């Protein structure tokens, strides 16, 4: 982790504190910070509960580390199949 990522990890274990600090990071650096917060047990979901599932952590990391409007790879494949038929 670089210095920016380490600084964004310094937050209290309060709902929204980590998300607020992650917004200042470039998109490509957010996924690693989200994974580290998950390991620490300080990653919260949108509903306010602590994330306990690695699959949910990956989904959050993907959604927060990609530009808005960019499709998830699985959605692109499904859309392509629908267009073919």
PDB file of N, CA and C in Angstrom:
ATOM      1  N   UNK A   1       0.833  -1.184   0.000  1.00  0.00           N
ATOM      2  CA  UNK A   1       0.000   0.000   0.000  1.00  0.00           C
ATOM      3  C   UNK A   1       0.873   1.241   0.000  1.00  0.00           C
ATOM      4  N   UNK A   2       0.429   2.222  -0.744  1.00  0.00           N
ATOM      5  CA  UNK A   2       1.190   3.467  -0.758  1.00  0.00           C
ATOM      6  C   UNK A   2       0.726   4.378   0.379  1.00  0.00           C
ATOM      7  N   UNK A   3       1.326   5.549   0.482  1.00  0.00           N
ATOM      8  CA  UNK A   3       1.055   6.465   1.596  1.00  0.00           C
ATOM      9  C   UNK A   3      -0.404   6.940   1.600  1.00  0.00           C
ATOM     10  N   UNK A   4      -0.946   7.251   0.431  1.00  0.00           N
ATOM     11  CA  UNK A   4      -2.342   7.713   0.363  1.00  0.00           C
ATOM     12  C   UNK A   4      -3.293   6.651   0.872  1.00  0.00           C
ATOM     13  N   UNK A   5      -3.038   5.404   0.468  1.00  0.00           N
ATOM     14  CA  UNK A   5      -3.906   4.308   0.885  1.00  0.00           C
ATOM     15  C   UNK A   5      -3.815   4.087   2.393  1.00  0.00           C
ATOM     16  N   UNK A   6      -2.614   4.155   2.932  1.00  0.00           N
ATOM     17  CA  UNK A   6      -2.430   3.976   4.363  1.00  0.00           C
ATOM     18  C   UNK A   6      -3.138   5.075   5.141  1.00  0.00           C
ATOM     19  N   UNK A   7      -3.047   6.311   4.664  1.00  0.00           N
ATOM     20  CA  UNK A   7      -3.720   7.422   5.333  1.00  0.00           C
ATOM     21  C   UNK A   7      -5.236   7.259   5.288  1.00  0.00           C
ATOM     22  N   UNK A   8      -5.759   6.710   4.197  1.00  0.00           N
ATOM     23  CA  UNK A   8      -7.207   6.541   4.099  1.00  0.00           C
ATOM     24  C   UNK A   8      -7.704   5.430   5.028  1.00  0.00           C
ATOM     25  N   UNK A   9      -6.799   4.588   5.504  1.00  0.00           N
ATOM     26  CA  UNK A   9      -7.178   3.529   6.431  1.00  0.00           C
ATOM     27  C   UNK A   9      -7.261   4.034   7.866  1.00  0.00           C
ATOM     28  N   UNK A  10      -6.733   5.220   8.151  1.00  0.00           N
ATOM     29  CA  UNK A  10      -6.774   5.777   9.499  1.00  0.00           C
ATOM     30  C   UNK A  10      -8.100   6.485   9.717  1.00  0.00           C
ATOM     31  N   UNK A  11      -9.085   5.736  10.177  1.00  0.00           N
ATOM     32  CA  UNK A  11     -10.391   6.299  10.469  1.00  0.00           C
ATOM     33  C   UNK A  11     -11.022   5.503  11.596  1.00  0.00           C
ATOM     34  N   UNK A  12     -11.940   6.103  12.319  1.00  0.00           N
ATOM     35  CA  UNK A  12     -12.615   5.351  13.384  1.00  0.00           C
ATOM     36  C   UNK A  12     -13.542   4.299  12.795  1.00  0.00           C
ATOM     37  N   UNK A  13     -13.846   3.288  13.582  1.00  0.00           N
ATOM     38  CA  UNK A  13     -14.737   2.225  13.128  1.00  0.00           C
ATOM     39  C   UNK A  13     -16.182   2.703  13.272  1.00  0.00           C
ATOM     40  N   UNK A  14     -16.547   3.655  12.440  1.00  0.00           N
ATOM     41  CA  UNK A  14     -17.878   4.245  12.451  1.00  0.00           C
ATOM     42  C   UNK A  14     -18.429   4.172  11.032  1.00  0.00           C
ATOM     43  N   UNK A  15     -19.708   3.908  10.922  1.00  0.00           N
ATOM     44  CA  UNK A  15     -20.349   3.821   9.619  1.00  0.00           C
ATOM     45  C   UNK A  15     -20.080   5.073   8.796  1.00  0.00           C
ATOM     46  N   UNK A  16     -19.540   4.905   7.604  1.00  0.00           N
ATOM     47  CA  UNK A  16     -19.308   6.009   6.683  1.00  0.00           C
ATOM     48  C   UNK A  16     -17.934   6.657   6.775  1.00  0.00           C
ATOM     49  N   UNK A  17     -17.180   6.388   7.831  1.00  0.00           N
ATOM     50  CA  UNK A  17     -15.877   7.018   7.991  1.00  0.00           C
ATOM     51  C   UNK A  17     -14.886   6.550   6.918  1.00  0.00           C
ATOM     52  N   UNK A  18     -14.879   5.256   6.636  1.00  0.00           N
ATOM     53  CA  UNK A  18     -13.965   4.716   5.622  1.00  0.00           C
ATOM     54  C   UNK A  18     -14.355   5.159   4.233  1.00  0.00           C
ATOM     55  N   UNK A  19     -15.649   5.190   3.957  1.00  0.00           N
ATOM     56  CA  UNK A  19     -16.127   5.593   2.634  1.00  0.00           C
ATOM     57  C   UNK A  19     -15.758   7.040   2.348  1.00  0.00           C
ATOM     58  N   UNK A  20     -15.847   7.872   3.354  1.00  0.00           N
ATOM     59  CA  UNK A  20     -15.519   9.295   3.190  1.00  0.00           C
ATOM     60  C   UNK A  20     -14.051   9.465   2.817  1.00  0.00           C
ATOM     61  N   UNK A  21     -13.172   8.708   3.463  1.00  0.00           N
ATOM     62  CA  UNK A  21     -11.747   8.824   3.161  1.00  0.00           C
ATOM     63  C   UNK A  21     -11.402   8.193   1.814  1.00  0.00           C
ATOM     64  N   UNK A  22     -12.099   7.122   1.419  1.00  0.00           N
ATOM     65  CA  UNK A  22     -11.816   6.466   0.139  1.00  0.00           C
ATOM     66  C   UNK A  22     -12.176   7.339  -1.049  1.00  0.00           C
ATOM     67  N   UNK A  23     -13.135   8.226  -0.902  1.00  0.00           N
ATOM     68  CA  UNK A  23     -13.550   9.076  -2.024  1.00  0.00           C
ATOM     69  C   UNK A  23     -12.409   9.929  -2.559  1.00  0.00           C
ATOM     70  N   UNK A  24     -11.433  10.207  -1.715  1.00  0.00           N
ATOM     71  CA  UNK A  24     -10.313  11.060  -2.119  1.00  0.00           C
ATOM     72  C   UNK A  24      -9.238  10.284  -2.887  1.00  0.00           C
ATOM     73  N   UNK A  25      -9.329   8.964  -2.884  1.00  0.00           N
ATOM     74  CA  UNK A  25      -8.342   8.140  -3.589  1.00  0.00           C
ATOM     75  C   UNK A  25      -8.687   8.024  -5.069  1.00  0.00           C
ATOM     76  N   UNK A  26      -7.671   7.837  -5.918  1.00  0.00           N
ATOM     77  CA  UNK A  26      -7.950   7.526  -7.320  1.00  0.00           C
ATOM     78  C   UNK A  26      -8.689   6.196  -7.414  1.00  0.00           C
ATOM     79  N   UNK A  27      -9.481   6.008  -8.460  1.00  0.00           N
ATOM     80  CA  UNK A  27     -10.307   4.811  -8.605  1.00  0.00           C
ATOM     81  C   UNK A  27      -9.506   3.519  -8.509  1.00  0.00           C
ATOM     82  N   UNK A  28      -8.331   3.476  -9.108  1.00  0.00           N
ATOM     83  CA  UNK A  28      -7.555   2.237  -9.162  1.00  0.00           C
ATOM     84  C   UNK A  28      -7.017   1.816  -7.793  1.00  0.00           C
ATOM     85  N   UNK A  29      -6.943   2.743  -6.839  1.00  0.00           N
ATOM     86  CA  UNK A  29      -6.384   2.422  -5.525  1.00  0.00           C
ATOM     87  C   UNK A  29      -7.451   2.032  -4.511  1.00  0.00           C
ATOM     88  N   UNK A  30      -8.698   2.184  -4.838  1.00  0.00           N
ATOM     89  CA  UNK A  30      -9.767   1.949  -3.866  1.00  0.00           C
ATOM     90  C   UNK A  30      -9.976   0.476  -3.551  1.00  0.00           C
ATOM     91  N   UNK A  31      -9.826  -0.399  -4.532  1.00  0.00           N
ATOM     92  CA  UNK A  31     -10.075  -1.823  -4.319  1.00  0.00           C
ATOM     93  C   UNK A  31      -9.186  -2.423  -3.250  1.00  0.00           C
ATOM     94  N   UNK A  32      -7.914  -2.066  -3.255  1.00  0.00           N
ATOM     95  CA  UNK A  32      -6.970  -2.597  -2.277  1.00  0.00           C
ATOM     96  C   UNK A  32      -7.319  -2.117  -0.870  1.00  0.00           C
ATOM     97  N   UNK A  33      -7.747  -0.873  -0.753  1.00  0.00           N
ATOM     98  CA  UNK A  33      -8.131  -0.326   0.549  1.00  0.00           C
ATOM     99  C   UNK A  33      -9.396  -1.014   1.056  1.00  0.00           C
ATOM    100  N   UNK A  34     -10.343  -1.273   0.173  1.00  0.00           N
ATOM    101  CA  UNK A  34     -11.577  -1.957   0.561  1.00  0.00           C
ATOM    102  C   UNK A  34     -11.253  -3.359   1.071  1.00  0.00           C
ATOM    103  N   UNK A  35     -10.344  -4.067   0.397  1.00  0.00           N
ATOM    104  CA  UNK A  35      -9.948  -5.404   0.840  1.00  0.00           C
ATOM    105  C   UNK A  35      -9.282  -5.340   2.213  1.00  0.00           C
ATOM    106  N   UNK A  36      -8.454  -4.340   2.447  1.00  0.00           N
ATOM    107  CA  UNK A  36      -7.787  -4.196   3.739  1.00  0.00           C
ATOM    108  C   UNK A  36      -8.796  -3.884   4.845  1.00  0.00           C
ATOM    109  N   UNK A  37      -9.793  -3.054   4.539  1.00  0.00           N
ATOM    110  CA  UNK A  37     -10.827  -2.752   5.533  1.00  0.00           C
ATOM    111  C   UNK A  37     -11.640  -4.001   5.851  1.00  0.00           C
ATOM    112  N   UNK A  38     -11.898  -4.818   4.861  1.00  0.00           N
ATOM    113  CA  UNK A  38     -12.617  -6.075   5.083  1.00  0.00           C
ATOM    114  C   UNK A  38     -11.821  -6.962   6.039  1.00  0.00           C
ATOM    115  N   UNK A  39     -10.523  -7.077   5.812  1.00  0.00           N
ATOM    116  CA  UNK A  39      -9.669  -7.891   6.673  1.00  0.00           C
ATOM    117  C   UNK A  39      -9.656  -7.355   8.103  1.00  0.00           C
ATOM    118  N   UNK A  40      -9.681  -6.030   8.248  1.00  0.00           N
ATOM    119  CA  UNK A  40      -9.696  -5.399   9.566  1.00  0.00           C
ATOM    120  C   UNK A  40     -11.053  -5.518  10.250  1.00  0.00           C
ATOM    121  N   UNK A  41     -12.093  -5.747   9.453  1.00  0.00           N
ATOM    122  CA  UNK A  41     -13.438  -5.841  10.008  1.00  0.00           C
ATOM    123  C   UNK A  41     -14.133  -4.502  10.124  1.00  0.00           C
ATOM    124  N   UNK A  42     -13.699  -3.515   9.326  1.00  0.00           N
ATOM    125  CA  UNK A  42     -14.290  -2.179   9.395  1.00  0.00           C
ATOM    126  C   UNK A  42     -14.988  -1.782   8.105  1.00  0.00           C
ATOM    127  N   UNK A  43     -15.283  -2.743   7.237  1.00  0.00           N
ATOM    128  CA  UNK A  43     -15.970  -2.444   5.983  1.00  0.00           C
ATOM    129  C   UNK A  43     -17.471  -2.599   6.187  1.00  0.00           C
ATOM    130  N   UNK A  44     -18.210  -1.540   5.890  1.00  0.00           N
ATOM    131  CA  UNK A  44     -19.655  -1.543   6.054  1.00  0.00           C
ATOM    132  C   UNK A  44     -20.338  -1.610   4.700  1.00  0.00           C
ATOM    133  N   UNK A  45     -21.486  -2.277   4.660  1.00  0.00           N
ATOM    134  CA  UNK A  45     -22.291  -2.322   3.440  1.00  0.00           C
ATOM    135  C   UNK A  45     -23.192  -1.095   3.412  1.00  0.00           C
ATOM    136  N   UNK A  46     -23.952  -0.954   2.357  1.00  0.00           N
ATOM    137  CA  UNK A  46     -24.856   0.186   2.235  1.00  0.00           C
ATOM    138  C   UNK A  46     -25.957   0.187   3.270  1.00  0.00           C
ATOM    139  N   UNK A  47     -26.294  -0.996   3.790  1.00  0.00           N
ATOM    140  CA  UNK A  47     -27.359  -1.078   4.792  1.00  0.00           C
ATOM    141  C   UNK A  47     -26.856  -0.762   6.192  1.00  0.00           C
ATOM    142  N   UNK A  48     -25.552  -0.598   6.355  1.00  0.00           N
ATOM    143  CA  UNK A  48     -24.994  -0.245   7.655  1.00  0.00           C
ATOM    144  C   UNK A  48     -24.458  -1.419   8.447  1.00  0.00           C
ATOM    145  N   UNK A  49     -24.498  -2.617   7.864  1.00  0.00           N
ATOM    146  CA  UNK A  49     -23.979  -3.799   8.551  1.00  0.00           C
ATOM    147  C   UNK A  49     -22.536  -4.040   8.135  1.00  0.00           C
ATOM    148  N   UNK A  50     -21.765  -4.659   9.018  1.00  0.00           N
ATOM    149  CA  UNK A  50     -20.374  -4.987   8.702  1.00  0.00           C
ATOM    150  C   UNK A  50     -20.366  -6.131   7.694  1.00  0.00           C
ATOM    151  N   UNK A  51     -19.536  -6.006   6.673  1.00  0.00           N
ATOM    152  CA  UNK A  51     -19.433  -7.012   5.610  1.00  0.00           C
ATOM    153  C   UNK A  51     -18.640  -8.203   6.129  1.00  0.00           C
ATOM    154  N   UNK A  52     -19.225  -9.403   6.018  1.00  0.00           N
ATOM    155  CA  UNK A  52     -18.563 -10.617   6.490  1.00  0.00           C
ATOM    156  C   UNK A  52     -18.273 -11.589   5.355  1.00  0.00           C
ATOM    157  N   UNK A  53     -18.843 -11.359   4.194  1.00  0.00           N
ATOM    158  CA  UNK A  53     -18.696 -12.274   3.067  1.00  0.00           C
ATOM    159  C   UNK A  53     -17.626 -11.756   2.098  1.00  0.00           C
ATOM    160  N   UNK A  54     -16.648 -12.596   1.741  1.00  0.00           N
ATOM    161  CA  UNK A  54     -15.641 -12.177   0.771  1.00  0.00           C
ATOM    162  C   UNK A  54     -16.253 -11.830  -0.593  1.00  0.00           C
ATOM    163  N   UNK A  55     -17.330 -12.522  -0.953  1.00  0.00           N
ATOM    164  CA  UNK A  55     -17.982 -12.233  -2.232  1.00  0.00           C
ATOM    165  C   UNK A  55     -18.591 -10.835  -2.222  1.00  0.00           C
ATOM    166  N   UNK A  56     -19.179 -10.461  -1.089  1.00  0.00           N
ATOM    167  CA  UNK A  56     -19.762  -9.120  -0.975  1.00  0.00           C
ATOM    168  C   UNK A  56     -18.656  -8.061  -0.994  1.00  0.00           C
ATOM    169  N   UNK A  57     -17.516  -8.367  -0.359  1.00  0.00           N
ATOM    170  CA  UNK A  57     -16.386  -7.440  -0.365  1.00  0.00           C
ATOM    171  C   UNK A  57     -15.900  -7.214  -1.790  1.00  0.00           C
ATOM    172  N   UNK A  58     -15.802  -8.288  -2.574  1.00  0.00           N
ATOM    173  CA  UNK A  58     -15.355  -8.148  -3.962  1.00  0.00           C
ATOM    174  C   UNK A  58     -16.345  -7.333  -4.773  1.00  0.00           C
ATOM    175  N   UNK A  59     -17.629  -7.516  -4.530  1.00  0.00           N
ATOM    176  CA  UNK A  59     -18.650  -6.757  -5.250  1.00  0.00           C
ATOM    177  C   UNK A  59     -18.554  -5.273  -4.913  1.00  0.00           C
ATOM    178  N   UNK A  60     -18.332  -4.958  -3.657  1.00  0.00           N
ATOM    179  CA  UNK A  60     -18.176  -3.557  -3.247  1.00  0.00           C
ATOM    180  C   UNK A  60     -16.919  -2.977  -3.874  1.00  0.00           C
ATOM    181  N   UNK A  61     -15.818  -3.733  -3.812  1.00  0.00           N
ATOM    182  CA  UNK A  61     -14.553  -3.251  -4.373  1.00  0.00           C
ATOM    183  C   UNK A  61     -14.696  -2.974  -5.862  1.00  0.00           C
ATOM    184  N   UNK A  62     -15.378  -3.877  -6.573  1.00  0.00           N
ATOM    185  CA  UNK A  62     -15.541  -3.680  -8.007  1.00  0.00           C
ATOM    186  C   UNK A  62     -16.397  -2.450  -8.293  1.00  0.00           C
ATOM    187  N   UNK A  63     -17.487  -2.303  -7.568  1.00  0.00           N
ATOM    188  CA  UNK A  63     -18.392  -1.185  -7.856  1.00  0.00           C
ATOM    189  C   UNK A  63     -17.775   0.158  -7.503  1.00  0.00           C
ATOM    190  N   UNK A  64     -16.927   0.193  -6.479  1.00  0.00           N
ATOM    191  CA  UNK A  64     -16.329   1.458  -6.056  1.00  0.00           C
ATOM    192  C   UNK A  64     -15.051   1.799  -6.803  1.00  0.00           C
ATOM    193  N   UNK A  65     -14.455   0.824  -7.500  1.00  0.00           N
ATOM    194  CA  UNK A  65     -13.177   1.084  -8.152  1.00  0.00           C
ATOM    195  C   UNK A  65     -13.285   1.161  -9.674  1.00  0.00           C
ATOM    196  N   UNK A  66     -14.499   1.276 -10.189  1.00  0.00           N
ATOM    197  CA  UNK A  66     -14.693   1.424 -11.623  1.00  0.00           C
ATOM    198  C   UNK A  66     -15.545   2.654 -11.907  1.00  0.00           C
ATOM    199  N   UNK A  67     -15.299   3.315 -13.014  1.00  0.00           N
ATOM    200  CA  UNK A  67     -16.081   4.511 -13.340  1.00  0.00           C
ATOM    201  C   UNK A  67     -17.560   4.193 -13.486  1.00  0.00           C
ATOM    202  N   UNK A  68     -18.397   5.138 -13.157  1.00  0.00           N
ATOM    203  CA  UNK A  68     -19.837   4.945 -13.297  1.00  0.00           C
ATOM    204  C   UNK A  68     -20.171   4.704 -14.755  1.00  0.00           C
ATOM    205  N   UNK A  69     -21.100   3.800 -14.994  1.00  0.00           N
ATOM    206  CA  UNK A  69     -21.518   3.497 -16.349  1.00  0.00           C
ATOM    207  C   UNK A  69     -20.778   2.327 -16.965  1.00  0.00           C
ATOM    208  N   UNK A  70     -19.668   1.912 -16.364  1.00  0.00           N
ATOM    209  CA  UNK A  70     -18.921   0.775 -16.897  1.00  0.00           C
ATOM    210  C   UNK A  70     -19.586  -0.511 -16.403  1.00  0.00           C
ATOM    211  N   UNK A  71     -19.864  -1.432 -17.317  1.00  0.00           N
ATOM    212  CA  UNK A  71     -20.555  -2.658 -16.959  1.00  0.00           C
ATOM    213  C   UNK A  71     -19.621  -3.661 -16.301  1.00  0.00           C
ATOM    214  N   UNK A  72     -20.190  -4.467 -15.442  1.00  0.00           N
ATOM    215  CA  UNK A  72     -19.484  -5.583 -14.834  1.00  0.00           C
ATOM    216  C   UNK A  72     -19.280  -6.628 -15.940  1.00  0.00           C
ATOM    217  N   UNK A  73     -18.159  -7.360 -15.965  1.00  0.00           N
ATOM    218  CA  UNK A  73     -17.906  -8.322 -17.038  1.00  0.00           C
ATOM    219  C   UNK A  73     -19.031  -9.343 -17.233  1.00  0.00           C
ATOM    220  N   UNK A  74     -19.672  -9.778 -16.143  1.00  0.00           N
ATOM    221  CA  UNK A  74     -20.757 -10.759 -16.269  1.00  0.00           C
ATOM    222  C   UNK A  74     -21.960 -10.131 -16.967  1.00  0.00           C
ATOM    223  N   UNK A  75     -22.235  -8.876 -16.695  1.00  0.00           N
ATOM    224  CA  UNK A  75     -23.367  -8.210 -17.325  1.00  0.00           C
ATOM    225  C   UNK A  75     -23.126  -8.017 -18.823  1.00  0.00           C
ATOM    226  N   UNK A  76     -21.899  -7.773 -19.200  1.00  0.00           N
ATOM    227  CA  UNK A  76     -21.567  -7.587 -20.615  1.00  0.00           C
ATOM    228  C   UNK A  76     -21.822  -8.886 -21.373  1.00  0.00           C
ATOM    229  N   UNK A  77     -21.417 -10.012 -20.793  1.00  0.00           N
ATOM    230  CA  UNK A  77     -21.618 -11.303 -21.451  1.00  0.00           C
ATOM    231  C   UNK A  77     -23.102 -11.605 -21.600  1.00  0.00           C
ATOM    232  N   UNK A  78     -23.868 -11.360 -20.544  1.00  0.00           N
ATOM    233  CA  UNK A  78     -25.303 -11.641 -20.585  1.00  0.00           C
ATOM    234  C   UNK A  78     -25.982 -10.752 -21.627  1.00  0.00           C
ATOM    235  N   UNK A  79     -25.597  -9.501 -21.700  1.00  0.00           N
ATOM    236  CA  UNK A  79     -26.191  -8.587 -22.676  1.00  0.00           C
ATOM    237  C   UNK A  79     -25.837  -9.030 -24.093  1.00  0.00           C
ATOM    238  N   UNK A  80     -24.612  -9.515 -24.279  1.00  0.00           N
ATOM    239  CA  UNK A  80     -24.177  -9.973 -25.597  1.00  0.00           C
ATOM    240  C   UNK A  80     -24.978 -11.187 -26.036  1.00  0.00           C
ATOM    241  N   UNK A  81     -25.229 -12.104 -25.119  1.00  0.00           N
ATOM    242  CA  UNK A  81     -26.014 -13.296 -25.449  1.00  0.00           C
ATOM    243  C   UNK A  81     -27.441 -12.925 -25.829  1.00  0.00           C
ATOM    244  N   UNK A  82     -27.998 -11.969 -25.130  1.00  0.00           N
ATOM    245  CA  UNK A  82     -29.379 -11.555 -25.437  1.00  0.00           C
ATOM    246  C   UNK A  82     -29.471 -10.931 -26.827  1.00  0.00           C
ATOM    247  N   UNK A  83     -28.455 -10.171 -27.208  1.00  0.00           N
ATOM    248  CA  UNK A  83     -28.465  -9.519 -28.514  1.00  0.00           C
ATOM    249  C   UNK A  83     -28.315 -10.530 -29.648  1.00  0.00           C
ATOM    250  N   UNK A  84     -27.580 -11.608 -29.404  1.00  0.00           N
ATOM    251  CA  UNK A  84     -27.329 -12.603 -30.444  1.00  0.00           C
ATOM    252  C   UNK A  84     -28.593 -13.334 -30.873  1.00  0.00           C
ATOM    253  N   UNK A  85     -29.471 -13.602 -29.912  1.00  0.00           N
ATOM    254  CA  UNK A  85     -30.654 -14.432 -30.215  1.00  0.00           C
ATOM    255  C   UNK A  85     -31.755 -13.626 -30.770  1.00  0.00           C
TER     256      UNK A  85
END
